[in-house]
Protein backbone atom coordinates (compact mmCIF):
# COMPACT_ATOMS: atom_id res chain seq x y z
CA MET A 1 17.92 -68.25 -77.85
CA LEU A 2 19.30 -64.46 -76.89
CA TRP A 3 23.13 -64.86 -78.11
CA LEU A 4 21.41 -65.83 -81.95
CA SER A 5 19.74 -62.48 -81.98
CA THR A 6 22.57 -60.85 -80.62
CA LEU A 7 25.05 -61.99 -82.92
CA MET A 8 22.40 -61.13 -85.89
CA GLY A 9 22.16 -57.59 -84.27
CA GLU A 10 26.51 -57.75 -84.21
CA VAL A 11 26.54 -58.69 -87.91
CA SER A 12 23.88 -56.22 -89.33
CA ARG A 13 25.70 -53.17 -87.21
CA VAL A 14 28.95 -54.15 -89.18
CA VAL A 15 27.22 -54.73 -92.60
CA VAL A 16 25.65 -51.69 -91.96
CA LYS A 17 29.01 -49.61 -91.31
CA MET A 18 30.67 -51.23 -94.43
CA ALA A 19 27.59 -49.65 -96.39
CA MET A 20 28.89 -46.63 -95.69
């Protein structure tokens, strides 16, 4: 499931952006 890992990467990047 490549799309799943890509989705997780996008979600974690947004979370990191919000955490800042």
